[in-house]
């Protein structure tokens, strides 16, 4: 069954948050 629009947005928000913290960790190490 297809994902609802809200589910897609929520998944995107969660991955964006993960990428953000990953990037901050990398930048902090430079």
N, C-alpha and C. Protein backbone atom coordinates (compact mmCIF):
# COMPACT_ATOMS: atom_id res chain seq x y z
N UNK A 1 0.84 -1.20 0.00
CA UNK A 1 0.00 0.00 0.00
C UNK A 1 0.87 1.25 0.00
N UNK A 2 0.48 2.28 -0.72
CA UNK A 2 1.30 3.50 -0.82
C UNK A 2 1.36 4.25 0.51
N UNK A 3 2.48 4.92 0.71
CA UNK A 3 2.63 5.72 1.91
C UNK A 3 1.75 6.95 1.83
N UNK A 4 1.26 7.39 2.99
CA UNK A 4 0.51 8.65 3.00
C UNK A 4 1.49 9.81 2.95
N UNK A 5 0.99 10.97 2.58
CA UNK A 5 1.84 12.15 2.47
C UNK A 5 2.53 12.45 3.80
N UNK A 6 1.77 12.31 4.90
CA UNK A 6 2.33 12.59 6.23
C UNK A 6 3.47 11.63 6.56
N UNK A 7 3.32 10.37 6.18
CA UNK A 7 4.37 9.39 6.47
C UNK A 7 5.64 9.73 5.71
N UNK A 8 5.47 10.17 4.46
CA UNK A 8 6.64 10.56 3.66
C UNK A 8 7.34 11.75 4.30
N UNK A 9 6.56 12.75 4.71
CA UNK A 9 7.14 13.94 5.34
C UNK A 9 7.86 13.57 6.63
N UNK A 10 7.25 12.70 7.43
CA UNK A 10 7.84 12.31 8.70
C UNK A 10 9.16 11.58 8.48
N UNK A 11 9.18 10.67 7.51
CA UNK A 11 10.42 9.94 7.20
C UNK A 11 11.49 10.92 6.73
N UNK A 12 11.12 11.87 5.91
CA UNK A 12 12.07 12.87 5.43
C UNK A 12 12.61 13.71 6.56
N UNK A 13 11.72 14.09 7.49
CA UNK A 13 12.15 14.90 8.62
C UNK A 13 13.15 14.13 9.49
N UNK A 14 12.86 12.86 9.73
CA UNK A 14 13.75 12.05 10.57
C UNK A 14 15.11 11.86 9.91
N UNK A 15 15.14 11.59 8.62
CA UNK A 15 16.43 11.39 7.95
C UNK A 15 17.19 12.71 7.87
N UNK A 16 16.47 13.83 7.72
CA UNK A 16 17.13 15.13 7.70
C UNK A 16 17.77 15.41 9.05
N UNK A 17 17.08 15.05 10.12
CA UNK A 17 17.63 15.25 11.47
C UNK A 17 18.87 14.40 11.66
N UNK A 18 18.80 13.14 11.20
CA UNK A 18 19.96 12.24 11.32
C UNK A 18 21.14 12.80 10.53
N UNK A 19 20.88 13.22 9.30
CA UNK A 19 21.96 13.77 8.47
C UNK A 19 22.54 15.01 9.11
N UNK A 20 21.69 15.84 9.71
CA UNK A 20 22.14 17.07 10.35
C UNK A 20 23.08 16.79 11.50
N UNK A 21 22.72 15.84 12.36
CA UNK A 21 23.60 15.53 13.49
C UNK A 21 24.87 14.85 13.02
N UNK A 22 24.77 14.06 11.96
CA UNK A 22 25.95 13.42 11.38
C UNK A 22 26.90 14.49 10.85
N UNK A 23 26.34 15.47 10.12
CA UNK A 23 27.16 16.56 9.57
C UNK A 23 27.81 17.36 10.68
N UNK A 24 27.06 17.67 11.74
CA UNK A 24 27.65 18.46 12.83
C UNK A 24 28.79 17.70 13.48
N UNK A 25 28.64 16.38 13.62
CA UNK A 25 29.71 15.58 14.21
C UNK A 25 30.96 15.63 13.34
N UNK A 26 30.77 15.53 12.03
CA UNK A 26 31.91 15.57 11.10
C UNK A 26 32.56 16.95 11.13
N UNK A 27 31.75 18.00 11.06
CA UNK A 27 32.27 19.37 11.04
C UNK A 27 33.01 19.67 12.34
N UNK A 28 32.48 19.21 13.45
CA UNK A 28 33.11 19.48 14.75
C UNK A 28 34.49 18.84 14.82
N UNK A 29 34.68 17.74 14.06
CA UNK A 29 35.96 17.03 14.11
C UNK A 29 37.01 17.68 13.23
N UNK A 30 36.59 18.51 12.28
CA UNK A 30 37.55 19.12 11.35
C UNK A 30 38.44 20.14 12.05
